[in-house]
Amino acid sequence: MHVDWLAYGYAALVACGGIVGYAKAGSIPSLVAGLFFGGLAGFGSYQMSHNPKNVWLFLAASGTLAGIMGFRFLNSRRFMPAGLAATASVLMLLKVGLARLRKRQEP
């Protein structure tokens, strides 16, 4: 069984970002969104670790977060926290998506 530690780290980063948003600004939406998307990414990481072909939940969570936080970054032009979350999400989309395409092309 291959454990994708980078995907688990991404899930932890997202969840911690929501907690930090709540701690610094008292933002309940940040807390809920961070824990929700971090939980989805964590469960998606678990699924990928047990079956490398089962990437869809992880891709959906990181893709949605990339879109939302990318939009927030474009509106605010502030890297923290929206730019960081969008960048991490896009990098994870590329990592998992390209690995999936590479596996598909192998005989």
N, C-alpha and C. Protein backbone atom coordinates (compact mmCIF):
# COMPACT_ATOMS: atom_id res chain seq x y z
N MET A 1 0.85 -1.18 0.00
CA MET A 1 0.00 0.00 0.00
C MET A 1 0.89 1.24 0.00
N HIS A 2 0.65 2.12 -0.94
CA HIS A 2 1.40 3.37 -1.06
C HIS A 2 0.63 4.48 -0.35
N VAL A 3 1.24 5.09 0.65
CA VAL A 3 0.61 6.19 1.37
C VAL A 3 1.08 7.50 0.75
N ASP A 4 0.13 8.33 0.36
CA ASP A 4 0.45 9.61 -0.27
C ASP A 4 0.54 10.68 0.83
N TRP A 5 1.73 10.79 1.40
CA TRP A 5 1.93 11.72 2.52
C TRP A 5 1.75 13.17 2.10
N LEU A 6 2.08 13.49 0.88
CA LEU A 6 1.90 14.86 0.41
C LEU A 6 0.41 15.24 0.38
N ALA A 7 -0.42 14.30 -0.02
CA ALA A 7 -1.87 14.56 -0.05
C ALA A 7 -2.41 14.72 1.37
N TYR A 8 -1.92 13.91 2.30
CA TYR A 8 -2.33 14.07 3.70
C TYR A 8 -1.86 15.42 4.25
N GLY A 9 -0.66 15.83 3.88
CA GLY A 9 -0.15 17.13 4.32
C GLY A 9 -0.98 18.28 3.77
N TYR A 10 -1.41 18.14 2.51
CA TYR A 10 -2.28 19.15 1.91
C TYR A 10 -3.60 19.23 2.69
N ALA A 11 -4.18 18.08 3.02
CA ALA A 11 -5.43 18.07 3.78
C ALA A 11 -5.25 18.74 5.14
N ALA A 12 -4.12 18.47 5.79
CA ALA A 12 -3.84 19.09 7.08
C ALA A 12 -3.65 20.60 6.93
N LEU A 13 -2.98 21.03 5.86
CA LEU A 13 -2.79 22.46 5.60
C LEU A 13 -4.13 23.18 5.45
N VAL A 14 -5.04 22.57 4.71
CA VAL A 14 -6.35 23.17 4.49
C VAL A 14 -7.13 23.26 5.81
N ALA A 15 -7.14 22.18 6.57
CA ALA A 15 -7.85 22.18 7.85
C ALA A 15 -7.24 23.19 8.82
N CYS A 16 -5.92 23.22 8.89
CA CYS A 16 -5.25 24.18 9.78
C CYS A 16 -5.49 25.62 9.34
N GLY A 17 -5.59 25.84 8.03
CA GLY A 17 -5.90 27.18 7.53
C GLY A 17 -7.26 27.66 8.01
N GLY A 18 -8.23 26.78 8.03
CA GLY A 18 -9.55 27.14 8.56
C GLY A 18 -9.51 27.45 10.04
N ILE A 19 -8.73 26.68 10.78
CA ILE A 19 -8.60 26.91 12.23
C ILE A 19 -7.90 28.23 12.50
N VAL A 20 -6.84 28.51 11.74
CA VAL A 20 -6.11 29.77 11.92
C VAL A 20 -7.00 30.95 11.54
N GLY A 21 -7.79 30.81 10.47
CA GLY A 21 -8.72 31.88 10.09
C GLY A 21 -9.72 32.18 11.18
N TYR A 22 -10.17 31.14 11.85
CA TYR A 22 -11.10 31.34 12.97
C TYR A 22 -10.38 31.97 14.16
N ALA A 23 -9.18 31.50 14.46
CA ALA A 23 -8.45 32.00 15.62
C ALA A 23 -8.05 33.46 15.45
N LYS A 24 -7.65 33.86 14.24
CA LYS A 24 -7.19 35.23 14.02
C LYS A 24 -8.32 36.21 13.82
N ALA A 25 -9.34 35.82 13.04
CA ALA A 25 -10.38 36.78 12.67
C ALA A 25 -11.75 36.42 13.23
N GLY A 26 -11.85 35.28 13.91
CA GLY A 26 -13.15 34.85 14.42
C GLY A 26 -14.11 34.46 13.31
N SER A 27 -13.57 34.04 12.17
CA SER A 27 -14.37 33.73 11.00
C SER A 27 -14.89 32.29 11.06
N ILE A 28 -16.17 32.15 11.37
CA ILE A 28 -16.79 30.83 11.40
C ILE A 28 -16.85 30.22 10.00
N PRO A 29 -17.15 31.00 8.93
CA PRO A 29 -17.11 30.39 7.59
C PRO A 29 -15.74 29.81 7.23
N SER A 30 -14.66 30.47 7.64
CA SER A 30 -13.32 29.93 7.39
C SER A 30 -13.11 28.61 8.12
N LEU A 31 -13.57 28.56 9.35
CA LEU A 31 -13.44 27.33 10.13
C LEU A 31 -14.21 26.18 9.49
N VAL A 32 -15.47 26.45 9.13
CA VAL A 32 -16.31 25.40 8.55
C VAL A 32 -15.76 24.95 7.20
N ALA A 33 -15.40 25.91 6.35
CA ALA A 33 -14.88 25.56 5.03
C ALA A 33 -13.55 24.83 5.14
N GLY A 34 -12.67 25.29 6.01
CA GLY A 34 -11.37 24.65 6.17
C GLY A 34 -11.50 23.22 6.67
N LEU A 35 -12.35 23.02 7.66
CA LEU A 35 -12.54 21.66 8.17
C LEU A 35 -13.26 20.78 7.16
N PHE A 36 -14.23 21.34 6.44
CA PHE A 36 -14.97 20.56 5.44
C PHE A 36 -14.05 20.12 4.31
N PHE A 37 -13.36 21.07 3.68
CA PHE A 37 -12.48 20.73 2.56
C PHE A 37 -11.26 19.94 3.02
N GLY A 38 -10.74 20.25 4.21
CA GLY A 38 -9.64 19.46 4.74
C GLY A 38 -10.07 18.02 5.01
N GLY A 39 -11.29 17.84 5.52
CA GLY A 39 -11.81 16.50 5.75
C GLY A 39 -12.02 15.75 4.45
N LEU A 40 -12.58 16.43 3.44
CA LEU A 40 -12.76 15.79 2.14
C LEU A 40 -11.42 15.39 1.52
N ALA A 41 -10.46 16.28 1.60
CA ALA A 41 -9.13 15.98 1.05
C ALA A 41 -8.47 14.85 1.84
N GLY A 42 -8.65 14.84 3.14
CA GLY A 42 -8.09 13.76 3.96
C GLY A 42 -8.71 12.42 3.63
N PHE A 43 -10.03 12.38 3.47
CA PHE A 43 -10.70 11.14 3.10
C PHE A 43 -10.30 10.72 1.68
N GLY A 44 -10.17 11.70 0.79
CA GLY A 44 -9.70 11.41 -0.55
C GLY A 44 -8.28 10.85 -0.54
N SER A 45 -7.43 11.36 0.34
CA SER A 45 -6.06 10.84 0.48
C SER A 45 -6.09 9.41 0.97
N TYR A 46 -6.97 9.12 1.91
CA TYR A 46 -7.13 7.77 2.42
C TYR A 46 -7.56 6.83 1.29
N GLN A 47 -8.52 7.27 0.48
CA GLN A 47 -8.98 6.44 -0.63
C GLN A 47 -7.87 6.20 -1.64
N MET A 48 -7.09 7.25 -1.94
CA MET A 48 -5.98 7.09 -2.89
C MET A 48 -4.91 6.16 -2.35
N SER A 49 -4.71 6.16 -1.03
CA SER A 49 -3.70 5.29 -0.44
C SER A 49 -4.10 3.82 -0.56
N HIS A 50 -5.40 3.54 -0.51
CA HIS A 50 -5.87 2.16 -0.61
C HIS A 50 -6.10 1.71 -2.04
N ASN A 51 -6.44 2.66 -2.92
CA ASN A 51 -6.66 2.33 -4.33
C ASN A 51 -6.18 3.53 -5.15
N PRO A 52 -5.01 3.44 -5.75
CA PRO A 52 -4.45 4.59 -6.49
C PRO A 52 -5.32 5.09 -7.64
N LYS A 53 -6.28 4.31 -8.08
CA LYS A 53 -7.19 4.75 -9.14
C LYS A 53 -8.35 5.59 -8.61
N ASN A 54 -8.56 5.56 -7.31
CA ASN A 54 -9.70 6.26 -6.71
C ASN A 54 -9.29 7.68 -6.30
N VAL A 55 -9.16 8.55 -7.29
CA VAL A 55 -8.66 9.91 -7.05
C VAL A 55 -9.76 10.97 -7.13
N TRP A 56 -10.95 10.57 -7.46
CA TRP A 56 -11.98 11.54 -7.84
C TRP A 56 -12.43 12.45 -6.70
N LEU A 57 -12.58 11.94 -5.49
CA LEU A 57 -12.98 12.79 -4.37
C LEU A 57 -11.89 13.81 -4.07
N PHE A 58 -10.64 13.36 -4.09
CA PHE A 58 -9.54 14.28 -3.83
C PHE A 58 -9.46 15.36 -4.90
N LEU A 59 -9.60 14.96 -6.16
CA LEU A 59 -9.56 15.94 -7.25
C LEU A 59 -10.72 16.93 -7.16
N ALA A 60 -11.90 16.44 -6.78
CA ALA A 60 -13.06 17.32 -6.65
C ALA A 60 -12.84 18.34 -5.53
N ALA A 61 -12.34 17.87 -4.39
CA ALA A 61 -12.12 18.77 -3.25
C ALA A 61 -11.04 19.81 -3.57
N SER A 62 -9.91 19.36 -4.09
CA SER A 62 -8.83 20.31 -4.37
C SER A 62 -9.17 21.21 -5.56
N GLY A 63 -9.91 20.70 -6.53
CA GLY A 63 -10.33 21.53 -7.66
C GLY A 63 -11.31 22.62 -7.26
N THR A 64 -12.28 22.24 -6.42
CA THR A 64 -13.24 23.23 -5.93
C THR A 64 -12.54 24.30 -5.10
N LEU A 65 -11.66 23.86 -4.23
CA LEU A 65 -10.93 24.82 -3.39
C LEU A 65 -10.02 25.71 -4.23
N ALA A 66 -9.41 25.15 -5.27
CA ALA A 66 -8.57 25.97 -6.16
C ALA A 66 -9.41 27.05 -6.83
N GLY A 67 -10.60 26.70 -7.27
CA GLY A 67 -11.47 27.68 -7.91
C GLY A 67 -11.93 28.77 -6.97
N ILE A 68 -12.40 28.37 -5.80
CA ILE A 68 -12.90 29.34 -4.82
C ILE A 68 -11.80 30.27 -4.35
N MET A 69 -10.68 29.68 -3.93
CA MET A 69 -9.60 30.50 -3.39
C MET A 69 -8.87 31.28 -4.49
N GLY A 70 -8.83 30.73 -5.69
CA GLY A 70 -8.26 31.48 -6.81
C GLY A 70 -9.07 32.72 -7.12
N PHE A 71 -10.40 32.59 -7.08
CA PHE A 71 -11.29 33.73 -7.28
C PHE A 71 -11.08 34.77 -6.18
N ARG A 72 -10.97 34.32 -4.94
CA ARG A 72 -10.74 35.25 -3.82
C ARG A 72 -9.39 35.95 -3.96
N PHE A 73 -8.37 35.21 -4.42
CA PHE A 73 -7.05 35.81 -4.61
C PHE A 73 -7.09 36.87 -5.70
N LEU A 74 -7.78 36.58 -6.80
CA LEU A 74 -7.87 37.56 -7.89
C LEU A 74 -8.59 38.84 -7.45
N ASN A 75 -9.56 38.69 -6.58
CA ASN A 75 -10.28 39.86 -6.08
C ASN A 75 -9.49 40.66 -5.05
N SER A 76 -8.76 39.97 -4.18
CA SER A 76 -8.06 40.67 -3.09
C SER A 76 -6.61 41.00 -3.40
N ARG A 77 -5.98 40.23 -4.29
CA ARG A 77 -4.56 40.38 -4.63
C ARG A 77 -3.66 40.18 -3.42
N ARG A 78 -4.16 39.47 -2.41
CA ARG A 78 -3.37 39.17 -1.22
C ARG A 78 -3.03 37.69 -1.22
N PHE A 79 -1.73 37.38 -1.08
CA PHE A 79 -1.31 35.98 -1.14
C PHE A 79 -1.82 35.17 0.05
N MET A 80 -1.84 35.79 1.21
CA MET A 80 -2.31 35.07 2.41
C MET A 80 -3.73 35.45 2.71
N PRO A 81 -4.61 34.52 2.90
CA PRO A 81 -4.47 33.08 2.78
C PRO A 81 -4.93 32.52 1.42
N ALA A 82 -5.65 33.34 0.64
CA ALA A 82 -6.27 32.83 -0.58
C ALA A 82 -5.25 32.38 -1.61
N GLY A 83 -4.19 33.12 -1.80
CA GLY A 83 -3.18 32.76 -2.79
C GLY A 83 -2.45 31.48 -2.43
N LEU A 84 -2.16 31.31 -1.14
CA LEU A 84 -1.49 30.10 -0.69
C LEU A 84 -2.38 28.88 -0.89
N ALA A 85 -3.64 28.99 -0.51
CA ALA A 85 -4.57 27.86 -0.66
C ALA A 85 -4.80 27.54 -2.13
N ALA A 86 -4.92 28.55 -2.97
CA ALA A 86 -5.12 28.32 -4.40
C ALA A 86 -3.88 27.68 -5.02
N THR A 87 -2.70 28.15 -4.66
CA THR A 87 -1.47 27.59 -5.20
C THR A 87 -1.29 26.14 -4.78
N ALA A 88 -1.50 25.86 -3.49
CA ALA A 88 -1.37 24.49 -3.00
C ALA A 88 -2.39 23.57 -3.68
N SER A 89 -3.60 24.07 -3.88
CA SER A 89 -4.64 23.26 -4.51
C SER A 89 -4.31 22.96 -5.97
N VAL A 90 -3.83 23.96 -6.69
CA VAL A 90 -3.47 23.75 -8.10
C VAL A 90 -2.29 22.78 -8.20
N LEU A 91 -1.31 22.92 -7.31
CA LEU A 91 -0.17 21.99 -7.33
C LEU A 91 -0.62 20.56 -7.05
N MET A 92 -1.56 20.38 -6.12
CA MET A 92 -2.05 19.03 -5.84
C MET A 92 -2.88 18.50 -7.00
N LEU A 93 -3.65 19.35 -7.65
CA LEU A 93 -4.39 18.93 -8.84
C LEU A 93 -3.43 18.43 -9.91
N LEU A 94 -2.37 19.18 -10.14
CA LEU A 94 -1.38 18.78 -11.14
C LEU A 94 -0.69 17.48 -10.75
N LYS A 95 -0.27 17.36 -9.50
CA LYS A 95 0.42 16.16 -9.05
C LYS A 95 -0.45 14.92 -9.22
N VAL A 96 -1.65 14.97 -8.70
CA VAL A 96 -2.53 13.79 -8.74
C VAL A 96 -3.04 13.54 -10.16
N GLY A 97 -3.42 14.60 -10.85
CA GLY A 97 -3.93 14.44 -12.21
C GLY A 97 -2.89 13.89 -13.16
N LEU A 98 -1.67 14.42 -13.10
CA LEU A 98 -0.60 13.92 -13.97
C LEU A 98 -0.20 12.49 -13.62
N ALA A 99 -0.18 12.17 -12.33
CA ALA A 99 0.13 10.79 -11.94
C ALA A 99 -0.94 9.83 -12.45
N ARG A 100 -2.17 10.26 -12.42
CA ARG A 100 -3.28 9.43 -12.92
C ARG A 100 -3.17 9.25 -14.43
N LEU A 101 -2.85 10.30 -15.15
CA LEU A 101 -2.68 10.18 -16.59
C LEU A 101 -1.50 9.28 -16.95
N ARG A 102 -0.43 9.40 -16.19
CA ARG A 102 0.75 8.57 -16.43
C ARG A 102 0.43 7.10 -16.20
N LYS A 103 -0.33 6.80 -15.16
CA LYS A 103 -0.71 5.41 -14.88
C LYS A 103 -1.61 4.88 -15.99
N ARG A 104 -2.48 5.72 -16.52
CA ARG A 104 -3.42 5.31 -17.56
C ARG A 104 -2.68 4.94 -18.83
N GLN A 105 -1.56 5.60 -19.12
CA GLN A 105 -0.84 5.38 -20.35
C GLN A 105 0.11 4.19 -20.28
N GLU A 106 0.37 3.67 -19.07
CA GLU A 106 1.24 2.51 -18.93
C GLU A 106 0.52 1.26 -19.44
N PRO A 107 1.25 0.34 -20.07
CA PRO A 107 0.60 -0.88 -20.57
C PRO A 107 0.22 -1.85 -19.49
